[in-house]
C-alpha atoms as a PDB file:
ATOM      1  CA  MET A   1     -32.789 -14.941   3.064  1.00  0.00           C
ATOM      2  CA  PHE A   2     -30.870 -18.220   3.369  1.00  0.00           C
ATOM      3  CA  LYS A   3     -33.686 -20.030   1.510  1.00  0.00           C
ATOM      4  CA  LYS A   4     -33.529 -17.434  -1.271  1.00  0.00           C
ATOM      5  CA  ILE A   5     -29.798 -17.951  -1.740  1.00  0.00           C
ATOM      6  CA  ILE A   6     -30.240 -21.739  -1.777  1.00  0.00           C
ATOM      7  CA  SER A   7     -32.943 -21.394  -4.424  1.00  0.00           C
ATOM      8  CA  PHE A   8     -30.532 -19.493  -6.685  1.00  0.00           C
ATOM      9  CA  PHE A   9     -28.014 -22.330  -6.447  1.00  0.00           C
ATOM     10  CA  TYR A  10     -30.626 -25.039  -7.028  1.00  0.00           C
ATOM     11  CA  LYS A  11     -29.405 -25.607 -10.590  1.00  0.00           C
ATOM     12  CA  GLN A  12     -25.908 -26.282  -9.264  1.00  0.00           C
ATOM     13  CA  PRO A  13     -23.608 -24.211 -11.538  1.00  0.00           C
ATOM     14  CA  ASN A  14     -20.757 -26.317 -12.939  1.00  0.00           C
ATOM     15  CA  THR A  15     -18.269 -23.564 -13.829  1.00  0.00           C
ATOM     16  CA  GLU A  16     -17.006 -20.397 -12.226  1.00  0.00           C
ATOM     17  CA  ALA A  17     -18.673 -18.350 -14.966  1.00  0.00           C
ATOM     18  CA  GLN A  18     -22.029 -19.992 -14.213  1.00  0.00           C
ATOM     19  CA  MET A  19     -21.555 -19.421 -10.495  1.00  0.00           C
ATOM     20  CA  LEU A  20     -20.752 -15.722 -11.043  1.00  0.00           C
ATOM     21  CA  LYS A  21     -23.816 -15.349 -13.259  1.00  0.00           C
ATOM     22  CA  THR A  22     -25.936 -16.866 -10.495  1.00  0.00           C
ATOM     23  CA  LEU A  23     -24.399 -14.494  -7.947  1.00  0.00           C
ATOM     24  CA  HIS A  24     -25.043 -11.494 -10.200  1.00  0.00           C
ATOM     25  CA  ASP A  25     -28.648 -12.646 -10.413  1.00  0.00           C
ATOM     26  CA  CYS A  26     -28.648 -12.636  -6.603  1.00  0.00           C
ATOM     27  CA  VAL A  27     -27.494  -9.020  -6.675  1.00  0.00           C
ATOM     28  CA  ALA A  28     -30.167  -8.097  -9.210  1.00  0.00           C
ATOM     29  CA  GLN A  29     -32.804  -9.690  -6.985  1.00  0.00           C
ATOM     30  CA  LYS A  30     -31.300  -7.952  -3.926  1.00  0.00           C
ATOM     31  CA  VAL A  31     -30.558 -11.242  -2.192  1.00  0.00           C
ATOM     32  CA  ILE A  32     -26.988  -9.991  -1.650  1.00  0.00           C
ATOM     33  CA  ASP A  33     -25.663  -6.452  -2.058  1.00  0.00           C
ATOM     34  CA  GLN A  34     -23.038  -5.233  -4.516  1.00  0.00           C
ATOM     35  CA  ASP A  35     -20.350  -4.869  -1.836  1.00  0.00           C
ATOM     36  CA  SER A  36     -20.717  -8.555  -0.970  1.00  0.00           C
ATOM     37  CA  MET A  37     -20.530  -9.450  -4.650  1.00  0.00           C
ATOM     38  CA  THR A  38     -17.356  -7.418  -5.096  1.00  0.00           C
ATOM     39  CA  MET A  39     -15.746  -9.190  -2.151  1.00  0.00           C
ATOM     40  CA  ILE A  40     -16.715 -12.627  -3.514  1.00  0.00           C
ATOM     41  CA  GLU A  41     -15.144 -11.750  -6.858  1.00  0.00           C
ATOM     42  CA  GLY A  42     -12.041 -10.562  -5.020  1.00  0.00           C
ATOM     43  CA  VAL A  43     -11.752 -13.864  -3.172  1.00  0.00           C
ATOM     44  CA  LEU A  44     -11.975 -15.738  -6.468  1.00  0.00           C
ATOM     45  CA  ASN A  45      -9.370 -13.482  -8.088  1.00  0.00           C
ATOM     46  CA  VAL A  46      -6.664 -13.973  -5.432  1.00  0.00           C
ATOM     47  CA  SER A  47      -6.322 -17.583  -6.557  1.00  0.00           C
ATOM     48  CA  LYS A  48      -5.297 -16.294 -10.002  1.00  0.00           C
ATOM     49  CA  ILE A  49      -2.983 -13.417  -9.041  1.00  0.00           C
ATOM     50  CA  LYS A  50       0.719 -14.020  -8.458  1.00  0.00           C
ATOM     51  CA  VAL A  51       2.843 -12.295  -5.853  1.00  0.00           C
ATOM     52  CA  ARG A  52       4.877 -10.499  -8.518  1.00  0.00           C
ATOM     53  CA  ASP A  53       1.721  -8.663  -9.626  1.00  0.00           C
ATOM     54  CA  THR A  54       1.072  -7.030  -6.246  1.00  0.00           C
ATOM     55  CA  MET A  55       4.470  -6.802  -4.500  1.00  0.00           C
ATOM     56  CA  ILE A  56       6.297  -3.619  -3.560  1.00  0.00           C
ATOM     57  CA  PRO A  57       9.328  -3.535  -5.897  1.00  0.00           C
ATOM     58  CA  ARG A  58      12.827  -3.856  -4.436  1.00  0.00           C
ATOM     59  CA  ALA A  59      13.702  -0.261  -5.380  1.00  0.00           C
ATOM     60  CA  GLN A  60      10.819   1.091  -3.264  1.00  0.00           C
ATOM     61  CA  MET A  61      11.502  -0.999  -0.157  1.00  0.00           C
ATOM     62  CA  VAL A  62      12.283   0.908   3.037  1.00  0.00           C
ATOM     63  CA  ILE A  63      14.980  -1.140   4.750  1.00  0.00           C
ATOM     64  CA  LEU A  64      17.107  -1.017   7.877  1.00  0.00           C
ATOM     65  CA  ASN A  65      20.762  -2.001   8.157  1.00  0.00           C
ATOM     66  CA  VAL A  66      21.875  -4.215  10.996  1.00  0.00           C
ATOM     67  CA  ASP A  67      24.769  -1.815  11.701  1.00  0.00           C
ATOM     68  CA  GLN A  68      22.614   1.302  12.136  1.00  0.00           C
ATOM     69  CA  SER A  69      22.305   3.008  15.506  1.00  0.00           C
ATOM     70  CA  LEU A  70      19.053   3.326  17.431  1.00  0.00           C
ATOM     71  CA  GLU A  71      18.873   7.017  16.482  1.00  0.00           C
ATOM     72  CA  GLU A  72      19.296   6.273  12.771  1.00  0.00           C
ATOM     73  CA  ILE A  73      16.651   3.548  12.909  1.00  0.00           C
ATOM     74  CA  ALA A  74      14.231   5.808  14.775  1.00  0.00           C
ATOM     75  CA  LYS A  75      14.620   8.515  12.119  1.00  0.00           C
ATOM     76  CA  ILE A  76      13.747   6.069   9.332  1.00  0.00           C
ATOM     77  CA  ILE A  77      10.726   4.755  11.235  1.00  0.00           C
ATOM     78  CA  ILE A  78       9.406   8.262  11.912  1.00  0.00           C
ATOM     79  CA  GLU A  79       9.911   9.480   8.331  1.00  0.00           C
ATOM     80  CA  SER A  80       8.455   6.411   6.614  1.00  0.00           C
ATOM     81  CA  LYS A  81       5.657   5.808   9.173  1.00  0.00           C
ATOM     82  CA  HIS A  82       5.791   2.082   8.444  1.00  0.00           C
ATOM     83  CA  SER A  83       5.419  -0.504  11.203  1.00  0.00           C
ATOM     84  CA  ARG A  84       7.535  -3.335   9.752  1.00  0.00           C
ATOM     85  CA  PHE A  85      10.950  -3.216   8.110  1.00  0.00           C
ATOM     86  CA  PRO A  86      13.224  -5.742   6.392  1.00  0.00           C
ATOM     87  CA  VAL A  87      16.686  -5.744   8.008  1.00  0.00           C
ATOM     88  CA  ILE A  88      19.707  -6.278   5.782  1.00  0.00           C
ATOM     89  CA  CYS A  89      23.325  -7.112   6.373  1.00  0.00           C
ATOM     90  CA  GLU A  90      25.644  -5.532   3.768  1.00  0.00           C
ATOM     91  CA  ASN A  91      23.165  -5.467   0.830  1.00  0.00           C
ATOM     92  CA  LYS A  92      19.493  -5.872  -0.080  1.00  0.00           C
ATOM     93  CA  ASP A  93      20.001  -9.490  -1.153  1.00  0.00           C
ATOM     94  CA  ASN A  94      21.064 -10.441   2.361  1.00  0.00           C
ATOM     95  CA  ILE A  95      17.912  -9.905   4.407  1.00  0.00           C
ATOM     96  CA  ILE A  96      18.296 -11.402   7.874  1.00  0.00           C
ATOM     97  CA  GLY A  97      14.829 -10.720   9.258  1.00  0.00           C
ATOM     98  CA  PHE A  98      12.125  -8.166  10.047  1.00  0.00           C
ATOM     99  CA  LEU A  99      11.961  -5.448  12.661  1.00  0.00           C
ATOM    100  CA  LEU A 100       8.633  -4.350  14.154  1.00  0.00           C
ATOM    101  CA  ALA A 101       8.714  -0.714  15.205  1.00  0.00           C
ATOM    102  CA  LYS A 102       6.884  -1.534  18.441  1.00  0.00           C
ATOM    103  CA  ASP A 103       9.724  -3.861  19.489  1.00  0.00           C
ATOM    104  CA  LEU A 104      11.977  -0.810  19.874  1.00  0.00           C
ATOM    105  CA  LEU A 105       9.745   1.017  22.369  1.00  0.00           C
ATOM    106  CA  ILE A 106      11.476  -0.516  25.393  1.00  0.00           C
ATOM    107  CA  ASN A 107      14.796   0.829  24.149  1.00  0.00           C
ATOM    108  CA  PHE A 108      13.465   4.389  24.109  1.00  0.00           C
ATOM    109  CA  GLN A 109      12.120   3.972  27.629  1.00  0.00           C
ATOM    110  CA  LYS A 110      15.384   2.544  28.918  1.00  0.00           C
ATOM    111  CA  PRO A 111      18.191   3.665  26.563  1.00  0.00           C
ATOM    112  CA  ASN A 112      20.938   1.075  26.190  1.00  0.00           C
ATOM    113  CA  GLU A 113      24.357   2.147  24.963  1.00  0.00           C
ATOM    114  CA  ASN A 114      24.986  -1.425  23.837  1.00  0.00           C
ATOM    115  CA  PHE A 115      21.858  -1.565  21.693  1.00  0.00           C
ATOM    116  CA  ASN A 116      22.042  -4.161  18.933  1.00  0.00           C
ATOM    117  CA  ILE A 117      19.232  -4.432  16.406  1.00  0.00           C
ATOM    118  CA  ARG A 118      19.836  -8.186  16.135  1.00  0.00           C
ATOM    119  CA  SER A 119      18.185  -8.664  19.521  1.00  0.00           C
ATOM    120  CA  ALA A 120      14.879  -7.333  18.141  1.00  0.00           C
ATOM    121  CA  ILE A 121      14.873  -9.027  14.738  1.00  0.00           C
ATOM    122  CA  ARG A 122      12.164 -11.529  13.892  1.00  0.00           C
ATOM    123  CA  PRO A 123      12.546 -14.298  11.282  1.00  0.00           C
ATOM    124  CA  ALA A 124      11.758 -13.378   7.687  1.00  0.00           C
ATOM    125  CA  ILE A 125       9.463 -15.281   5.361  1.00  0.00           C
ATOM    126  CA  PHE A 126      10.693 -15.756   1.787  1.00  0.00           C
ATOM    127  CA  VAL A 127       8.290 -16.527  -1.072  1.00  0.00           C
ATOM    128  CA  PRO A 128       8.775 -16.914  -4.849  1.00  0.00           C
ATOM    129  CA  GLU A 129       7.386 -14.372  -7.304  1.00  0.00           C
ATOM    130  CA  SER A 130       5.170 -17.070  -8.807  1.00  0.00           C
ATOM    131  CA  LYS A 131       3.320 -17.879  -5.569  1.00  0.00           C
ATOM    132  CA  LYS A 132      -0.449 -17.340  -5.785  1.00  0.00           C
ATOM    133  CA  LEU A 133      -2.003 -14.831  -3.385  1.00  0.00           C
ATOM    134  CA  ASP A 134      -4.473 -17.294  -1.870  1.00  0.00           C
ATOM    135  CA  ASN A 135      -1.570 -19.582  -0.910  1.00  0.00           C
ATOM    136  CA  LEU A 136       0.347 -16.607   0.459  1.00  0.00           C
ATOM    137  CA  LEU A 137      -2.613 -15.535   2.586  1.00  0.00           C
ATOM    138  CA  HIS A 138      -2.799 -19.040   4.051  1.00  0.00           C
ATOM    139  CA  GLU A 139       0.939 -18.931   4.808  1.00  0.00           C
ATOM    140  CA  PHE A 140       0.539 -15.567   6.551  1.00  0.00           C
ATOM    141  CA  GLN A 141      -2.202 -17.081   8.719  1.00  0.00           C
ATOM    142  CA  VAL A 142      -0.246 -20.229   9.585  1.00  0.00           C
ATOM    143  CA  LYS A 143       2.994 -18.387  10.385  1.00  0.00           C
ATOM    144  CA  HIS A 144       1.269 -15.428  12.087  1.00  0.00           C
ATOM    145  CA  SER A 145       3.143 -12.984   9.857  1.00  0.00           C
ATOM    146  CA  HIS A 146       2.170  -9.835   7.984  1.00  0.00           C
ATOM    147  CA  MET A 147       5.077  -9.446   5.565  1.00  0.00           C
ATOM    148  CA  ALA A 148       7.148 -11.627   3.235  1.00  0.00           C
ATOM    149  CA  ILE A 149      10.238 -11.067   1.106  1.00  0.00           C
ATOM    150  CA  VAL A 150       9.733 -11.910  -2.565  1.00  0.00           C
ATOM    151  CA  ILE A 151      12.530 -13.816  -4.301  1.00  0.00           C
ATOM    152  CA  ASP A 152      13.075 -14.073  -8.061  1.00  0.00           C
ATOM    153  CA  GLU A 153      14.081 -17.218  -9.933  1.00  0.00           C
ATOM    154  CA  TYR A 154      17.775 -16.512  -9.281  1.00  0.00           C
ATOM    155  CA  GLY A 155      17.335 -16.210  -5.533  1.00  0.00           C
ATOM    156  CA  ASN A 156      17.667 -12.420  -5.486  1.00  0.00           C
ATOM    157  CA  VAL A 157      15.313 -10.092  -3.628  1.00  0.00           C
ATOM    158  CA  ALA A 158      12.630  -8.826  -6.011  1.00  0.00           C
ATOM    159  CA  GLY A 159      10.496  -6.952  -3.492  1.00  0.00           C
ATOM    160  CA  LEU A 160       8.210  -7.472  -0.536  1.00  0.00           C
ATOM    161  CA  VAL A 161       4.521  -8.174  -0.029  1.00  0.00           C
ATOM    162  CA  THR A 162       2.290  -7.554   2.976  1.00  0.00           C
ATOM    163  CA  ILE A 163      -0.969  -9.062   4.132  1.00  0.00           C
ATOM    164  CA  GLU A 164      -2.563  -5.668   3.437  1.00  0.00           C
ATOM    165  CA  ASP A 165      -1.578  -5.987  -0.244  1.00  0.00           C
ATOM    166  CA  VAL A 166      -3.427  -9.312  -0.402  1.00  0.00           C
ATOM    167  CA  LEU A 167      -6.502  -8.080   1.465  1.00  0.00           C
ATOM    168  CA  GLU A 168      -6.773  -5.045  -0.825  1.00  0.00           C
ATOM    169  CA  LYS A 169      -7.277  -7.453  -3.726  1.00  0.00           C
ATOM    170  CA  ILE A 170     -10.358  -8.746  -1.895  1.00  0.00           C
ATOM    171  CA  VAL A 171     -11.895  -5.673  -0.264  1.00  0.00           C
ATOM    172  CA  GLY A 172     -10.355  -2.849  -2.309  1.00  0.00           C
ATOM    173  CA  ASP A 173      -7.955  -0.105  -1.260  1.00  0.00           C
ATOM    174  CA  ILE A 174      -7.437   0.241   2.477  1.00  0.00           C
ATOM    175  CA  GLU A 175      -7.154   3.897   3.512  1.00  0.00           C
ATOM    176  CA  ASP A 176      -3.742   5.012   4.749  1.00  0.00           C
ATOM    177  CA  GLU A 177      -3.902   4.868   8.556  1.00  0.00           C
ATOM    178  CA  ASN A 178      -1.532   7.817   8.771  1.00  0.00           C
ATOM    179  CA  PHE A 179      -4.121  10.286   7.491  1.00  0.00           C
ATOM    180  CA  THR A 180      -5.630  12.344  10.288  1.00  0.00           C
ATOM    181  CA  ASP A 181      -8.869  14.280  10.648  1.00  0.00           C
ATOM    182  CA  SER A 182      -6.962  17.471   9.878  1.00  0.00           C
ATOM    183  CA  GLU A 183      -6.418  16.086   6.373  1.00  0.00           C
ATOM    184  CA  ALA A 184     -10.112  15.540   5.780  1.00  0.00           C
ATOM    185  CA  ASP A 185     -10.307  18.632   3.539  1.00  0.00           C
ATOM    186  CA  SER A 186      -8.815  18.159   0.082  1.00  0.00           C
ATOM    187  CA  ILE A 187      -6.960  21.486   0.120  1.00  0.00           C
ATOM    188  CA  ILE A 188      -5.810  23.321   3.244  1.00  0.00           C
ATOM    189  CA  LYS A 189      -4.075  26.709   3.012  1.00  0.00           C
ATOM    190  CA  THR A 190      -1.576  27.891   5.646  1.00  0.00           C
ATOM    191  CA  ASN A 191       0.006  31.255   4.772  1.00  0.00           C
ATOM    192  CA  ASN A 192       1.516  30.698   1.307  1.00  0.00           C
ATOM    193  CA  LYS A 193       1.594  26.900   1.615  1.00  0.00           C
ATOM    194  CA  TYR A 194      -1.097  24.440   0.540  1.00  0.00           C
ATOM    195  CA  THR A 195      -1.518  20.912   1.883  1.00  0.00           C
ATOM    196  CA  ILE A 196      -3.321  18.918  -0.794  1.00  0.00           C
ATOM    197  CA  GLN A 197      -4.709  15.407  -0.860  1.00  0.00           C
ATOM    198  CA  ALA A 198      -3.653  13.744  -4.100  1.00  0.00           C
ATOM    199  CA  SER A 199      -7.297  12.791  -4.683  1.00  0.00           C
ATOM    200  CA  ALA A 200      -8.241  16.477  -5.027  1.00  0.00           C
ATOM    201  CA  VAL A 201      -9.892  17.041  -8.400  1.00  0.00           C
ATOM    202  CA  ILE A 202      -8.068  19.258 -10.870  1.00  0.00           C
ATOM    203  CA  GLU A 203     -11.009  21.648 -11.331  1.00  0.00           C
ATOM    204  CA  GLN A 204     -11.022  22.419  -7.596  1.00  0.00           C
ATOM    205  CA  LEU A 205      -7.255  22.920  -7.629  1.00  0.00           C
ATOM    206  CA  ASN A 206      -7.508  25.297 -10.584  1.00  0.00           C
ATOM    207  CA  ASP A 207     -10.115  27.368  -8.716  1.00  0.00           C
ATOM    208  CA  GLU A 208      -8.309  27.583  -5.377  1.00  0.00           C
ATOM    209  CA  LEU A 209      -4.703  27.948  -6.610  1.00  0.00           C
ATOM    210  CA  GLY A 210      -5.401  29.813  -9.831  1.00  0.00           C
ATOM    211  CA  LEU A 211      -3.917  27.095 -12.043  1.00  0.00           C
ATOM    212  CA  ASN A 212      -4.925  26.217 -15.588  1.00  0.00           C
ATOM    213  CA  LEU A 213      -4.401  22.466 -15.639  1.00  0.00           C
ATOM    214  CA  LYS A 214      -6.374  20.401 -18.135  1.00  0.00           C
ATOM    215  CA  ASN A 215      -8.235  17.370 -16.827  1.00  0.00           C
ATOM    216  CA  SER A 216      -8.837  15.547 -20.092  1.00  0.00           C
ATOM    217  CA  ASP A 217      -6.687  12.549 -19.107  1.00  0.00           C
ATOM    218  CA  PHE A 218      -6.751  12.626 -15.301  1.00  0.00           C
ATOM    219  CA  ASP A 219      -9.342  13.826 -12.820  1.00  0.00           C
ATOM    220  CA  THR A 220      -7.015  14.193  -9.797  1.00  0.00           C
ATOM    221  CA  ILE A 221      -3.821  16.103  -9.142  1.00  0.00           C
ATOM    222  CA  GLY A 222      -2.119  12.905  -8.000  1.00  0.00           C
ATOM    223  CA  GLY A 223      -2.835  11.203 -11.305  1.00  0.00           C
ATOM    224  CA  HIS A 224      -1.683  14.270 -13.233  1.00  0.00           C
ATOM    225  CA  ILE A 225       1.649  14.489 -11.386  1.00  0.00           C
ATOM    226  CA  ALA A 226       2.332  10.748 -11.630  1.00  0.00           C
ATOM    227  CA  ALA A 227       1.774  10.983 -15.395  1.00  0.00           C
ATOM    228  CA  GLU A 228       4.062  14.016 -15.676  1.00  0.00           C
ATOM    229  CA  ILE A 229       6.875  12.264 -13.795  1.00  0.00           C
ATOM    230  CA  GLY A 230       6.325   8.901 -15.445  1.00  0.00           C
ATOM    231  CA  HIS A 231       6.217   6.843 -12.234  1.00  0.00           C
ATOM    232  CA  ILE A 232       4.977   6.959  -8.638  1.00  0.00           C
ATOM    233  CA  PRO A 233       7.437   9.302  -6.904  1.00  0.00           C
ATOM    234  CA  LYS A 234       8.817   8.839  -3.422  1.00  0.00           C
ATOM    235  CA  PRO A 235       8.263  11.425  -0.658  1.00  0.00           C
ATOM    236  CA  GLU A 236      10.098  14.741  -1.087  1.00  0.00           C
ATOM    237  CA  HIS A 237      10.102  14.489  -4.881  1.00  0.00           C
ATOM    238  CA  LYS A 238       9.503  17.991  -6.290  1.00  0.00           C
ATOM    239  CA  ILE A 239       7.883  19.195  -9.507  1.00  0.00           C
ATOM    240  CA  ILE A 240       7.141  22.695 -10.819  1.00  0.00           C
ATOM    241  CA  ILE A 241       3.605  23.326 -12.073  1.00  0.00           C
ATOM    242  CA  ASN A 242       2.847  26.841 -13.301  1.00  0.00           C
ATOM    243  CA  ASN A 243       4.173  29.101 -10.524  1.00  0.00           C
ATOM    244  CA  PHE A 244       3.955  26.495  -7.757  1.00  0.00           C
ATOM    245  CA  GLU A 245       6.480  24.010  -6.428  1.00  0.00           C
ATOM    246  CA  PHE A 246       4.716  20.745  -5.578  1.00  0.00           C
ATOM    247  CA  THR A 247       6.370  18.361  -3.120  1.00  0.00           C
ATOM    248  CA  VAL A 248       5.215  14.785  -2.619  1.00  0.00           C
ATOM    249  CA  LYS A 249       4.759  14.335   1.146  1.00  0.00           C
ATOM    250  CA  LYS A 250       3.231  10.849   1.218  1.00  0.00           C
ATOM    251  CA  SER A 251       3.036   8.103  -1.352  1.00  0.00           C
ATOM    252  CA  SER A 252       2.585   4.358  -1.572  1.00  0.00           C
ATOM    253  CA  PRO A 253       3.963   2.039  -4.252  1.00  0.00           C
ATOM    254  CA  LYS A 254       0.590   2.370  -5.969  1.00  0.00           C
ATOM    255  CA  LYS A 255      -0.259   6.067  -5.800  1.00  0.00           C
ATOM    256  CA  ILE A 256       0.550   9.542  -4.515  1.00  0.00           C
ATOM    257  CA  LEU A 257      -1.294  10.284  -1.273  1.00  0.00           C
ATOM    258  CA  LEU A 258      -0.433  13.795  -0.087  1.00  0.00           C
ATOM    259  CA  LEU A 259       1.162  16.892  -1.634  1.00  0.00           C
ATOM    260  CA  GLU A 260       2.435  20.254  -0.510  1.00  0.00           C
ATOM    261  CA  ALA A 261       2.419  23.283  -2.825  1.00  0.00           C
ATOM    262  CA  ILE A 262       4.281  26.576  -2.307  1.00  0.00           C
ATOM    263  CA  LYS A 263       3.893  29.581  -4.589  1.00  0.00           C
ATOM    264  CA  PHE A 264       7.091  31.296  -5.746  1.00  0.00           C
END
């Protein structure tokens, strides 16, 4: 196989377009598969994408305050199900570091009345909005970090970006690790309540819940609701559709993940 790949590059392409054409020829000749081709294109694209184009906006950041108690912090961690959190002092423009949820485990094992979050904070990385993703990925590797705070041209916090955000540009969406096997079915009914994956197709939802939604613009219920609201809603956002109350149970900055519907 190695000799086949070398033979495709024998003409030595001089531009990226020529190289991509050669690689697509490799796919057509089954020298490499389409998944490999997609990943190669993703690697090339990260050198063109800026942090501002993939960051989690400031308004959607889940943050901790340095003055919060252990109980308050634990509640936020449990509800958000994130593993890393920016820690602020006074306001969102004064981020003093990151907290890893796992660093708090010792405090739950041996409760300390004098708990101070400062003792668990790790240094924060700050990057400009204009930084390219390939450079950011290298910085993550060098500094052994998974998250960075994004700063605008005025020095204010614009958002945050994680190593997962960068990797998704290369390999595609990474499935939410918080989904469990019990959520494998698109629609699960318990008494009068439905647990619905946002990827459930509208036709299936119409059949099982007796709705009459049109699917001319969107195939999934998540896409339909996001369009109705006009943005990606945060968890616990509610919307009435026909005679059901839909509640967003899980969402990311990019899409709705899980819904709950109750008939009234």
